[in-house]
């Protein structure tokens, strides 16, 4: 049997609870898409609010993104591939470029893409 100190257990529980509350709040939000100063419900709206990819609904996707943002020291990376959004399982920063945007290596998506 593994003996876990109560302080560690409560800390993990607090982080999990906060992460879940933040992810729930984000997943309940409606992301609005505008074209020509008008709100539209197009493919981008569907991807952000309903199903970002074929394997996840928006609730699961945003929970995954928030969990990775909090648990990964590098943060989270959302990648668009063939018009669908995926949260990267792993990535590394090859070169930090504050103005032009960072360069990345070793990006691994769900399903091994």
C-alpha atoms as a PDB file:
ATOM      1  CA  UNK A   1       0.000   0.000   0.000  1.00  0.00           C
ATOM      2  CA  UNK A   2       1.258   3.457  -0.869  1.00  0.00           C
ATOM      3  CA  UNK A   3       1.126   6.009   1.912  1.00  0.00           C
ATOM      4  CA  UNK A   4       0.327   9.478   0.547  1.00  0.00           C
ATOM      5  CA  UNK A   5       0.744  12.429   2.922  1.00  0.00           C
ATOM      6  CA  UNK A   6      -2.553  14.279   3.439  1.00  0.00           C
ATOM      7  CA  UNK A   7      -0.972  17.606   2.408  1.00  0.00           C
ATOM      8  CA  UNK A   8      -0.050  16.229  -1.006  1.00  0.00           C
ATOM      9  CA  UNK A   9      -3.468  14.659  -1.458  1.00  0.00           C
ATOM     10  CA  UNK A  10      -5.277  17.919  -0.616  1.00  0.00           C
ATOM     11  CA  UNK A  11      -2.970  19.951  -2.836  1.00  0.00           C
ATOM     12  CA  UNK A  12      -3.638  17.624  -5.796  1.00  0.00           C
ATOM     13  CA  UNK A  13      -7.365  17.719  -5.035  1.00  0.00           C
ATOM     14  CA  UNK A  14      -7.335  21.542  -4.959  1.00  0.00           C
ATOM     15  CA  UNK A  15      -5.480  21.750  -8.285  1.00  0.00           C
ATOM     16  CA  UNK A  16      -7.810  19.202  -9.881  1.00  0.00           C
ATOM     17  CA  UNK A  17     -10.885  21.069  -8.585  1.00  0.00           C
ATOM     18  CA  UNK A  18      -9.614  24.446  -9.830  1.00  0.00           C
ATOM     19  CA  UNK A  19      -8.682  22.972 -13.218  1.00  0.00           C
ATOM     20  CA  UNK A  20     -12.097  21.378 -13.542  1.00  0.00           C
ATOM     21  CA  UNK A  21     -13.901  24.616 -12.630  1.00  0.00           C
ATOM     22  CA  UNK A  22     -11.888  26.626 -15.170  1.00  0.00           C
ATOM     23  CA  UNK A  23     -12.385  24.023 -17.904  1.00  0.00           C
ATOM     24  CA  UNK A  24     -16.114  23.810 -17.177  1.00  0.00           C
ATOM     25  CA  UNK A  25     -16.437  27.593 -17.412  1.00  0.00           C
ATOM     26  CA  UNK A  26     -14.583  27.709 -20.738  1.00  0.00           C
ATOM     27  CA  UNK A  27     -16.467  24.763 -22.229  1.00  0.00           C
ATOM     28  CA  UNK A  28     -19.812  26.374 -21.325  1.00  0.00           C
ATOM     29  CA  UNK A  29     -18.877  29.610 -23.094  1.00  0.00           C
ATOM     30  CA  UNK A  30     -20.068  30.282 -26.602  1.00  0.00           C
ATOM     31  CA  UNK A  31     -17.249  31.289 -28.907  1.00  0.00           C
ATOM     32  CA  UNK A  32     -18.723  33.711 -31.406  1.00  0.00           C
ATOM     33  CA  UNK A  33     -17.401  34.033 -34.953  1.00  0.00           C
ATOM     34  CA  UNK A  34     -17.775  37.255 -36.906  1.00  0.00           C
ATOM     35  CA  UNK A  35     -17.682  37.939 -40.630  1.00  0.00           C
ATOM     36  CA  UNK A  36     -18.271  41.447 -41.975  1.00  0.00           C
ATOM     37  CA  UNK A  37     -19.158  42.679 -38.472  1.00  0.00           C
ATOM     38  CA  UNK A  38     -21.935  40.069 -38.119  1.00  0.00           C
ATOM     39  CA  UNK A  39     -22.078  36.998 -35.927  1.00  0.00           C
ATOM     40  CA  UNK A  40     -22.227  33.828 -38.027  1.00  0.00           C
ATOM     41  CA  UNK A  41     -22.504  30.117 -37.295  1.00  0.00           C
ATOM     42  CA  UNK A  42     -20.091  28.670 -39.807  1.00  0.00           C
ATOM     43  CA  UNK A  43     -17.511  25.868 -39.718  1.00  0.00           C
ATOM     44  CA  UNK A  44     -15.245  27.810 -37.340  1.00  0.00           C
ATOM     45  CA  UNK A  45     -18.181  28.259 -34.944  1.00  0.00           C
ATOM     46  CA  UNK A  46     -18.896  24.522 -35.106  1.00  0.00           C
ATOM     47  CA  UNK A  47     -15.253  23.620 -34.480  1.00  0.00           C
ATOM     48  CA  UNK A  48     -14.955  25.931 -31.446  1.00  0.00           C
ATOM     49  CA  UNK A  49     -18.342  25.179 -29.863  1.00  0.00           C
ATOM     50  CA  UNK A  50     -19.466  21.688 -30.903  1.00  0.00           C
ATOM     51  CA  UNK A  51     -16.757  19.328 -32.163  1.00  0.00           C
ATOM     52  CA  UNK A  52     -13.169  20.482 -32.730  1.00  0.00           C
ATOM     53  CA  UNK A  53     -12.230  17.121 -34.280  1.00  0.00           C
ATOM     54  CA  UNK A  54     -13.779  13.757 -35.114  1.00  0.00           C
ATOM     55  CA  UNK A  55     -12.866  12.133 -31.779  1.00  0.00           C
ATOM     56  CA  UNK A  56     -13.825  14.807 -29.226  1.00  0.00           C
ATOM     57  CA  UNK A  57     -16.662  17.129 -28.398  1.00  0.00           C
ATOM     58  CA  UNK A  58     -15.878  20.694 -27.352  1.00  0.00           C
ATOM     59  CA  UNK A  59     -16.308  19.929 -23.634  1.00  0.00           C
ATOM     60  CA  UNK A  60     -13.702  17.139 -23.657  1.00  0.00           C
ATOM     61  CA  UNK A  61     -11.365  19.185 -25.873  1.00  0.00           C
ATOM     62  CA  UNK A  62     -11.384  22.299 -23.666  1.00  0.00           C
ATOM     63  CA  UNK A  63     -10.919  20.177 -20.529  1.00  0.00           C
ATOM     64  CA  UNK A  64      -7.854  18.594 -22.148  1.00  0.00           C
ATOM     65  CA  UNK A  65      -6.442  22.003 -23.142  1.00  0.00           C
ATOM     66  CA  UNK A  66      -6.893  23.498 -19.658  1.00  0.00           C
ATOM     67  CA  UNK A  67      -5.450  20.401 -17.946  1.00  0.00           C
ATOM     68  CA  UNK A  68      -2.370  20.578 -20.168  1.00  0.00           C
ATOM     69  CA  UNK A  69      -1.988  24.322 -19.596  1.00  0.00           C
ATOM     70  CA  UNK A  70      -1.874  23.803 -15.850  1.00  0.00           C
ATOM     71  CA  UNK A  71       0.029  20.505 -15.648  1.00  0.00           C
ATOM     72  CA  UNK A  72       2.639  21.069 -18.376  1.00  0.00           C
ATOM     73  CA  UNK A  73       5.416  23.601 -17.609  1.00  0.00           C
ATOM     74  CA  UNK A  74       5.572  24.478 -21.329  1.00  0.00           C
ATOM     75  CA  UNK A  75       1.818  25.091 -21.479  1.00  0.00           C
ATOM     76  CA  UNK A  76      -0.613  23.680 -24.014  1.00  0.00           C
ATOM     77  CA  UNK A  77      -0.474  23.710 -27.787  1.00  0.00           C
ATOM     78  CA  UNK A  78      -3.554  23.633 -29.987  1.00  0.00           C
ATOM     79  CA  UNK A  79      -2.794  22.552 -33.548  1.00  0.00           C
ATOM     80  CA  UNK A  80      -5.016  22.858 -36.601  1.00  0.00           C
ATOM     81  CA  UNK A  81      -4.694  19.843 -38.871  1.00  0.00           C
ATOM     82  CA  UNK A  82      -6.918  19.460 -41.942  1.00  0.00           C
ATOM     83  CA  UNK A  83      -9.393  22.003 -40.589  1.00  0.00           C
ATOM     84  CA  UNK A  84      -9.742  20.324 -37.182  1.00  0.00           C
ATOM     85  CA  UNK A  85      -8.289  21.313 -33.792  1.00  0.00           C
ATOM     86  CA  UNK A  86      -6.124  18.980 -31.706  1.00  0.00           C
ATOM     87  CA  UNK A  87      -4.390  19.440 -28.358  1.00  0.00           C
ATOM     88  CA  UNK A  88      -0.762  18.312 -28.633  1.00  0.00           C
ATOM     89  CA  UNK A  89       0.242  15.425 -26.371  1.00  0.00           C
ATOM     90  CA  UNK A  90       3.887  16.489 -26.488  1.00  0.00           C
ATOM     91  CA  UNK A  91       5.998  19.234 -28.030  1.00  0.00           C
ATOM     92  CA  UNK A  92       9.292  20.968 -27.443  1.00  0.00           C
ATOM     93  CA  UNK A  93      10.342  24.516 -28.184  1.00  0.00           C
ATOM     94  CA  UNK A  94      13.269  24.543 -30.624  1.00  0.00           C
ATOM     95  CA  UNK A  95      13.703  28.318 -30.660  1.00  0.00           C
ATOM     96  CA  UNK A  96      11.928  31.052 -28.721  1.00  0.00           C
ATOM     97  CA  UNK A  97      11.078  34.015 -30.928  1.00  0.00           C
ATOM     98  CA  UNK A  98       8.877  36.480 -29.015  1.00  0.00           C
ATOM     99  CA  UNK A  99       7.902  38.639 -31.998  1.00  0.00           C
ATOM    100  CA  UNK A 100       7.804  36.142 -34.865  1.00  0.00           C
ATOM    101  CA  UNK A 101       6.488  33.173 -32.872  1.00  0.00           C
ATOM    102  CA  UNK A 102       8.330  30.180 -31.454  1.00  0.00           C
ATOM    103  CA  UNK A 103       9.615  27.271 -33.532  1.00  0.00           C
ATOM    104  CA  UNK A 104       8.625  23.803 -32.290  1.00  0.00           C
ATOM    105  CA  UNK A 105       9.889  20.234 -32.674  1.00  0.00           C
ATOM    106  CA  UNK A 106       8.521  16.817 -31.770  1.00  0.00           C
ATOM    107  CA  UNK A 107       4.826  17.680 -31.886  1.00  0.00           C
ATOM    108  CA  UNK A 108       2.774  14.575 -31.108  1.00  0.00           C
ATOM    109  CA  UNK A 109      -1.012  14.629 -31.412  1.00  0.00           C
ATOM    110  CA  UNK A 110      -3.623  12.136 -30.249  1.00  0.00           C
ATOM    111  CA  UNK A 111      -3.636   9.139 -32.543  1.00  0.00           C
ATOM    112  CA  UNK A 112       0.049   9.591 -33.429  1.00  0.00           C
ATOM    113  CA  UNK A 113      -0.409  12.329 -36.068  1.00  0.00           C
END
